Amino acid sequence: MIKYLLFVGSGGALGSILRYLIAIYINKKYSGEFPLATFFINITGCILIGLFTGWAERYHFINAEIRVFLITGICGGYTTFSTFSSENYQLFQNNNFITLSLYISFSLFLGIIGVWLGNFLSKI
């Protein structure tokens, strides 16, 4: 059990650091109302989960330790669904209903497409 906690924790740390660096970069380049950094991170996180699960199914080389490191750890630390929810709540409180609707719709639709794409790419 301790071994798995270390795999999840180290993957989570890497994913969180990556999320932080990407958010800083995007927020320096973009200053609009739409929460682009979180949106980008959530979509690319979905693609990563699709790739990792697809590779695990295709190649059968991803053992339990690597799986929890990549999927639970890195992807769990990288994606930002709690931030996504908080940002939507703020958009709601500020009566930004159009941005709220677009953000939720695009995130869900492209997230599902991202998982499919990652899984598809893992099989090429």
N, C-alpha and C. Protein backbone atom coordinates (compact mmCIF):
# COMPACT_ATOMS: atom_id res chain seq x y z
N MET A 1 0.82 -1.20 0.00
CA MET A 1 0.00 0.00 0.00
C MET A 1 0.86 1.27 0.00
N ILE A 2 1.92 1.28 0.78
CA ILE A 2 2.80 2.45 0.84
C ILE A 2 3.41 2.71 -0.53
N LYS A 3 3.78 1.64 -1.23
CA LYS A 3 4.38 1.79 -2.57
C LYS A 3 3.41 2.51 -3.51
N TYR A 4 2.12 2.13 -3.46
CA TYR A 4 1.13 2.77 -4.32
C TYR A 4 0.91 4.23 -3.94
N LEU A 5 0.93 4.52 -2.65
CA LEU A 5 0.79 5.91 -2.21
C LEU A 5 1.95 6.76 -2.73
N LEU A 6 3.13 6.19 -2.74
CA LEU A 6 4.28 6.93 -3.27
C LEU A 6 4.16 7.16 -4.78
N PHE A 7 3.67 6.16 -5.51
CA PHE A 7 3.45 6.34 -6.95
C PHE A 7 2.39 7.41 -7.22
N VAL A 8 1.28 7.35 -6.50
CA VAL A 8 0.21 8.33 -6.68
C VAL A 8 0.71 9.72 -6.28
N GLY A 9 1.37 9.81 -5.14
CA GLY A 9 1.85 11.11 -4.65
C GLY A 9 2.88 11.74 -5.56
N SER A 10 3.83 10.95 -6.04
CA SER A 10 4.85 11.53 -6.92
C SER A 10 4.25 11.92 -8.26
N GLY A 11 3.33 11.10 -8.79
CA GLY A 11 2.65 11.47 -10.02
C GLY A 11 1.79 12.71 -9.83
N GLY A 12 1.10 12.77 -8.70
CA GLY A 12 0.27 13.94 -8.40
C GLY A 12 1.09 15.21 -8.30
N ALA A 13 2.27 15.10 -7.69
CA ALA A 13 3.15 16.28 -7.59
C ALA A 13 3.57 16.75 -8.98
N LEU A 14 3.96 15.81 -9.85
CA LEU A 14 4.36 16.18 -11.21
C LEU A 14 3.19 16.80 -11.98
N GLY A 15 2.03 16.20 -11.86
CA GLY A 15 0.85 16.74 -12.55
C GLY A 15 0.49 18.12 -12.06
N SER A 16 0.58 18.34 -10.75
CA SER A 16 0.26 19.65 -10.18
C SER A 16 1.26 20.71 -10.62
N ILE A 17 2.52 20.36 -10.64
CA ILE A 17 3.55 21.30 -11.10
C ILE A 17 3.32 21.65 -12.56
N LEU A 18 3.04 20.65 -13.37
CA LEU A 18 2.77 20.90 -14.79
C LEU A 18 1.56 21.80 -14.97
N ARG A 19 0.49 21.53 -14.21
CA ARG A 19 -0.70 22.37 -14.28
C ARG A 19 -0.37 23.82 -13.91
N TYR A 20 0.38 23.99 -12.86
CA TYR A 20 0.75 25.33 -12.39
C TYR A 20 1.54 26.09 -13.46
N LEU A 21 2.54 25.44 -14.04
CA LEU A 21 3.38 26.09 -15.05
C LEU A 21 2.58 26.45 -16.30
N ILE A 22 1.72 25.54 -16.74
CA ILE A 22 0.90 25.81 -17.92
C ILE A 22 -0.07 26.96 -17.65
N ALA A 23 -0.68 26.97 -16.47
CA ALA A 23 -1.62 28.05 -16.13
C ALA A 23 -0.91 29.40 -16.10
N ILE A 24 0.28 29.45 -15.54
CA ILE A 24 1.05 30.71 -15.53
C ILE A 24 1.31 31.17 -16.96
N TYR A 25 1.76 30.26 -17.80
CA TYR A 25 2.08 30.61 -19.18
C TYR A 25 0.84 31.13 -19.92
N ILE A 26 -0.25 30.39 -19.84
CA ILE A 26 -1.47 30.80 -20.57
C ILE A 26 -2.00 32.12 -20.04
N ASN A 27 -2.01 32.27 -18.72
CA ASN A 27 -2.55 33.51 -18.14
C ASN A 27 -1.69 34.73 -18.46
N LYS A 28 -0.40 34.53 -18.74
CA LYS A 28 0.45 35.65 -19.19
C LYS A 28 0.11 36.05 -20.62
N LYS A 29 -0.30 35.08 -21.43
CA LYS A 29 -0.58 35.34 -22.84
C LYS A 29 -2.03 35.74 -23.11
N TYR A 30 -2.93 35.39 -22.21
CA TYR A 30 -4.37 35.60 -22.42
C TYR A 30 -4.96 36.27 -21.20
N SER A 31 -5.72 37.34 -21.43
CA SER A 31 -6.30 38.06 -20.29
C SER A 31 -7.82 38.21 -20.40
N GLY A 32 -8.47 37.36 -21.17
CA GLY A 32 -9.91 37.46 -21.36
C GLY A 32 -10.70 36.93 -20.17
N GLU A 33 -11.99 37.03 -20.29
CA GLU A 33 -12.91 36.60 -19.23
C GLU A 33 -13.02 35.08 -19.14
N PHE A 34 -12.92 34.41 -20.29
CA PHE A 34 -13.04 32.95 -20.33
C PHE A 34 -11.85 32.31 -19.61
N PRO A 35 -12.08 31.36 -18.72
CA PRO A 35 -10.99 30.71 -17.98
C PRO A 35 -10.21 29.71 -18.86
N LEU A 36 -9.42 30.26 -19.78
CA LEU A 36 -8.75 29.48 -20.80
C LEU A 36 -7.74 28.49 -20.24
N ALA A 37 -6.99 28.87 -19.22
CA ALA A 37 -5.96 27.98 -18.67
C ALA A 37 -6.60 26.70 -18.13
N THR A 38 -7.62 26.83 -17.32
CA THR A 38 -8.29 25.66 -16.76
C THR A 38 -8.95 24.84 -17.87
N PHE A 39 -9.56 25.51 -18.81
CA PHE A 39 -10.19 24.84 -19.94
C PHE A 39 -9.16 23.99 -20.70
N PHE A 40 -8.03 24.59 -21.03
CA PHE A 40 -6.97 23.89 -21.76
C PHE A 40 -6.45 22.69 -20.96
N ILE A 41 -6.22 22.90 -19.68
CA ILE A 41 -5.70 21.83 -18.82
C ILE A 41 -6.71 20.68 -18.72
N ASN A 42 -7.98 20.99 -18.56
CA ASN A 42 -8.98 19.93 -18.47
C ASN A 42 -9.07 19.12 -19.77
N ILE A 43 -9.03 19.79 -20.92
CA ILE A 43 -9.13 19.08 -22.20
C ILE A 43 -7.88 18.24 -22.44
N THR A 44 -6.71 18.81 -22.23
CA THR A 44 -5.49 18.02 -22.44
C THR A 44 -5.37 16.90 -21.41
N GLY A 45 -5.90 17.11 -20.21
CA GLY A 45 -5.92 16.04 -19.22
C GLY A 45 -6.79 14.88 -19.66
N CYS A 46 -7.90 15.19 -20.29
CA CYS A 46 -8.77 14.14 -20.83
C CYS A 46 -8.06 13.37 -21.94
N ILE A 47 -7.32 14.08 -22.79
CA ILE A 47 -6.57 13.40 -23.85
C ILE A 47 -5.51 12.49 -23.23
N LEU A 48 -4.82 12.96 -22.20
CA LEU A 48 -3.81 12.13 -21.53
C LEU A 48 -4.41 10.88 -20.93
N ILE A 49 -5.54 11.01 -20.25
CA ILE A 49 -6.18 9.83 -19.66
C ILE A 49 -6.58 8.85 -20.77
N GLY A 50 -7.09 9.36 -21.88
CA GLY A 50 -7.42 8.50 -23.00
C GLY A 50 -6.20 7.77 -23.55
N LEU A 51 -5.08 8.50 -23.69
CA LEU A 51 -3.85 7.87 -24.17
C LEU A 51 -3.36 6.80 -23.20
N PHE A 52 -3.30 7.13 -21.93
CA PHE A 52 -2.77 6.18 -20.94
C PHE A 52 -3.64 4.93 -20.84
N THR A 53 -4.95 5.10 -20.81
CA THR A 53 -5.82 3.92 -20.71
C THR A 53 -5.79 3.12 -22.01
N GLY A 54 -5.73 3.81 -23.14
CA GLY A 54 -5.64 3.12 -24.43
C GLY A 54 -4.36 2.31 -24.56
N TRP A 55 -3.23 2.92 -24.15
CA TRP A 55 -1.96 2.19 -24.20
C TRP A 55 -1.97 1.00 -23.25
N ALA A 56 -2.58 1.19 -22.09
CA ALA A 56 -2.66 0.08 -21.13
C ALA A 56 -3.44 -1.09 -21.73
N GLU A 57 -4.53 -0.80 -22.43
CA GLU A 57 -5.33 -1.85 -23.06
C GLU A 57 -4.60 -2.47 -24.25
N ARG A 58 -3.92 -1.63 -25.02
CA ARG A 58 -3.30 -2.12 -26.26
C ARG A 58 -2.03 -2.93 -26.01
N TYR A 59 -1.16 -2.42 -25.16
CA TYR A 59 0.15 -3.02 -25.00
C TYR A 59 0.29 -3.92 -23.77
N HIS A 60 -0.60 -3.82 -22.85
CA HIS A 60 -0.59 -4.64 -21.63
C HIS A 60 0.73 -4.54 -20.86
N PHE A 61 1.49 -3.46 -21.09
CA PHE A 61 2.76 -3.31 -20.39
C PHE A 61 2.64 -2.38 -19.18
N ILE A 62 1.52 -1.73 -19.07
CA ILE A 62 1.35 -0.80 -17.96
C ILE A 62 0.86 -1.60 -16.75
N ASN A 63 1.78 -1.84 -15.81
CA ASN A 63 1.41 -2.58 -14.62
C ASN A 63 0.67 -1.66 -13.64
N ALA A 64 0.24 -2.20 -12.52
CA ALA A 64 -0.58 -1.45 -11.58
C ALA A 64 0.15 -0.22 -11.04
N GLU A 65 1.44 -0.33 -10.79
CA GLU A 65 2.20 0.80 -10.26
C GLU A 65 2.28 1.94 -11.27
N ILE A 66 2.58 1.61 -12.51
CA ILE A 66 2.67 2.65 -13.55
C ILE A 66 1.29 3.25 -13.81
N ARG A 67 0.27 2.42 -13.77
CA ARG A 67 -1.10 2.89 -14.00
C ARG A 67 -1.51 3.92 -12.94
N VAL A 68 -1.27 3.64 -11.67
CA VAL A 68 -1.65 4.62 -10.63
C VAL A 68 -0.75 5.86 -10.70
N PHE A 69 0.50 5.69 -11.11
CA PHE A 69 1.38 6.85 -11.27
C PHE A 69 0.87 7.77 -12.38
N LEU A 70 0.56 7.19 -13.55
CA LEU A 70 0.14 7.99 -14.71
C LEU A 70 -1.29 8.51 -14.59
N ILE A 71 -2.23 7.61 -14.29
CA ILE A 71 -3.65 7.97 -14.36
C ILE A 71 -4.12 8.64 -13.07
N THR A 72 -3.94 7.96 -11.95
CA THR A 72 -4.40 8.54 -10.68
C THR A 72 -3.49 9.70 -10.26
N GLY A 73 -2.19 9.51 -10.40
CA GLY A 73 -1.24 10.52 -9.95
C GLY A 73 -1.13 11.71 -10.88
N ILE A 74 -0.50 11.52 -12.03
CA ILE A 74 -0.25 12.65 -12.94
C ILE A 74 -1.55 13.28 -13.42
N CYS A 75 -2.46 12.46 -13.95
CA CYS A 75 -3.72 13.04 -14.46
C CYS A 75 -4.55 13.64 -13.34
N GLY A 76 -4.57 13.00 -12.18
CA GLY A 76 -5.32 13.53 -11.04
C GLY A 76 -4.75 14.85 -10.54
N GLY A 77 -3.42 14.96 -10.54
CA GLY A 77 -2.79 16.21 -10.13
C GLY A 77 -2.88 17.29 -11.19
N TYR A 78 -2.92 16.87 -12.44
CA TYR A 78 -2.91 17.82 -13.55
C TYR A 78 -4.28 18.43 -13.83
N THR A 79 -5.31 17.62 -13.86
CA THR A 79 -6.63 18.15 -14.19
C THR A 79 -7.18 18.97 -13.03
N THR A 80 -8.12 19.82 -13.35
CA THR A 80 -8.54 20.83 -12.38
C THR A 80 -10.05 20.94 -12.29
N PHE A 81 -10.71 19.82 -12.10
CA PHE A 81 -12.16 19.88 -12.10
C PHE A 81 -12.72 20.71 -10.95
N SER A 82 -12.05 20.67 -9.80
CA SER A 82 -12.54 21.48 -8.69
C SER A 82 -12.39 22.97 -9.01
N THR A 83 -11.32 23.34 -9.67
CA THR A 83 -11.15 24.72 -10.11
C THR A 83 -12.20 25.07 -11.15
N PHE A 84 -12.45 24.15 -12.06
CA PHE A 84 -13.50 24.32 -13.07
C PHE A 84 -14.84 24.62 -12.41
N SER A 85 -15.18 23.85 -11.40
CA SER A 85 -16.46 24.05 -10.71
C SER A 85 -16.51 25.40 -10.00
N SER A 86 -15.42 25.78 -9.36
CA SER A 86 -15.36 27.07 -8.67
C SER A 86 -15.49 28.23 -9.66
N GLU A 87 -14.83 28.13 -10.79
CA GLU A 87 -14.91 29.19 -11.80
C GLU A 87 -16.32 29.31 -12.36
N ASN A 88 -16.99 28.17 -12.54
CA ASN A 88 -18.37 28.22 -13.01
C ASN A 88 -19.28 28.86 -11.98
N TYR A 89 -19.03 28.58 -10.74
CA TYR A 89 -19.81 29.20 -9.67
C TYR A 89 -19.62 30.72 -9.68
N GLN A 90 -18.39 31.16 -9.89
CA GLN A 90 -18.11 32.60 -9.95
C GLN A 90 -18.79 33.24 -11.15
N LEU A 91 -18.75 32.56 -12.30
CA LEU A 91 -19.44 33.08 -13.48
C LEU A 91 -20.94 33.19 -13.21
N PHE A 92 -21.50 32.21 -12.53
CA PHE A 92 -22.92 32.22 -12.16
C PHE A 92 -23.22 33.39 -11.24
N GLN A 93 -22.41 33.56 -10.21
CA GLN A 93 -22.63 34.66 -9.26
C GLN A 93 -22.52 36.02 -9.91
N ASN A 94 -21.68 36.12 -10.95
CA ASN A 94 -21.49 37.39 -11.66
C ASN A 94 -22.46 37.56 -12.82
N ASN A 95 -23.45 36.66 -12.91
CA ASN A 95 -24.47 36.71 -13.96
C ASN A 95 -23.90 36.63 -15.37
N ASN A 96 -22.77 35.95 -15.53
CA ASN A 96 -22.16 35.73 -16.84
C ASN A 96 -22.69 34.42 -17.41
N PHE A 97 -23.98 34.38 -17.70
CA PHE A 97 -24.64 33.13 -18.06
C PHE A 97 -24.23 32.60 -19.44
N ILE A 98 -23.92 33.49 -20.36
CA ILE A 98 -23.49 33.02 -21.68
C ILE A 98 -22.11 32.37 -21.56
N THR A 99 -21.17 33.04 -20.90
CA THR A 99 -19.84 32.47 -20.71
C THR A 99 -19.94 31.18 -19.90
N LEU A 100 -20.76 31.16 -18.88
CA LEU A 100 -20.98 29.97 -18.06
C LEU A 100 -21.46 28.80 -18.93
N SER A 101 -22.46 29.05 -19.75
CA SER A 101 -23.01 28.00 -20.60
C SER A 101 -21.98 27.49 -21.62
N LEU A 102 -21.25 28.41 -22.23
CA LEU A 102 -20.23 28.01 -23.20
C LEU A 102 -19.12 27.21 -22.54
N TYR A 103 -18.67 27.66 -21.39
CA TYR A 103 -17.58 27.00 -20.69
C TYR A 103 -17.97 25.57 -20.30
N ILE A 104 -19.14 25.39 -19.72
CA ILE A 104 -19.60 24.05 -19.33
C ILE A 104 -19.78 23.18 -20.56
N SER A 105 -20.47 23.69 -21.56
CA SER A 105 -20.75 22.90 -22.77
C SER A 105 -19.49 22.47 -23.49
N PHE A 106 -18.59 23.43 -23.76
CA PHE A 106 -17.36 23.10 -24.47
C PHE A 106 -16.47 22.17 -23.65
N SER A 107 -16.39 22.38 -22.36
CA SER A 107 -15.55 21.53 -21.51
C SER A 107 -16.04 20.09 -21.52
N LEU A 108 -17.33 19.90 -21.36
CA LEU A 108 -17.86 18.53 -21.35
C LEU A 108 -17.73 17.87 -22.72
N PHE A 109 -18.15 18.58 -23.76
CA PHE A 109 -18.10 18.00 -25.11
C PHE A 109 -16.67 17.70 -25.53
N LEU A 110 -15.78 18.69 -25.41
CA LEU A 110 -14.40 18.48 -25.84
C LEU A 110 -13.66 17.53 -24.90
N GLY A 111 -14.06 17.47 -23.63
CA GLY A 111 -13.46 16.51 -22.71
C GLY A 111 -13.74 15.08 -23.14
N ILE A 112 -14.98 14.81 -23.49
CA ILE A 112 -15.35 13.47 -23.96
C ILE A 112 -14.63 13.17 -25.28
N ILE A 113 -14.61 14.14 -26.19
CA ILE A 113 -13.89 13.97 -27.45
C ILE A 113 -12.40 13.75 -27.17
N GLY A 114 -11.86 14.46 -26.18
CA GLY A 114 -10.45 14.31 -25.83
C GLY A 114 -10.11 12.91 -25.36
N VAL A 115 -10.97 12.32 -24.52
CA VAL A 115 -10.74 10.95 -24.07
C VAL A 115 -10.79 10.00 -25.27
N TRP A 116 -11.77 10.19 -26.14
CA TRP A 116 -11.86 9.36 -27.35
C TRP A 116 -10.61 9.53 -28.21
N LEU A 117 -10.17 10.79 -28.42
CA LEU A 117 -9.01 11.07 -29.25
C LEU A 117 -7.75 10.42 -28.68
N GLY A 118 -7.55 10.60 -27.38
CA GLY A 118 -6.38 9.99 -26.75
C GLY A 118 -6.38 8.49 -26.89
N ASN A 119 -7.55 7.87 -26.69
CA ASN A 119 -7.67 6.43 -26.84
C ASN A 119 -7.41 6.02 -28.28
N PHE A 120 -7.95 6.76 -29.22
CA PHE A 120 -7.73 6.49 -30.65
C PHE A 120 -6.26 6.61 -31.00
N LEU A 121 -5.60 7.70 -30.55
CA LEU A 121 -4.19 7.91 -30.85
C LEU A 121 -3.30 6.83 -30.26
N SER A 122 -3.74 6.27 -29.14
CA SER A 122 -2.93 5.22 -28.50
C SER A 122 -2.90 3.94 -29.33
N LYS A 123 -3.82 3.82 -30.25
CA LYS A 123 -3.93 2.60 -31.05
C LYS A 123 -3.28 2.73 -32.43
N ILE A 124 -2.75 3.90 -32.72
CA ILE A 124 -2.11 4.12 -34.04
C ILE A 124 -0.71 3.51 -34.05
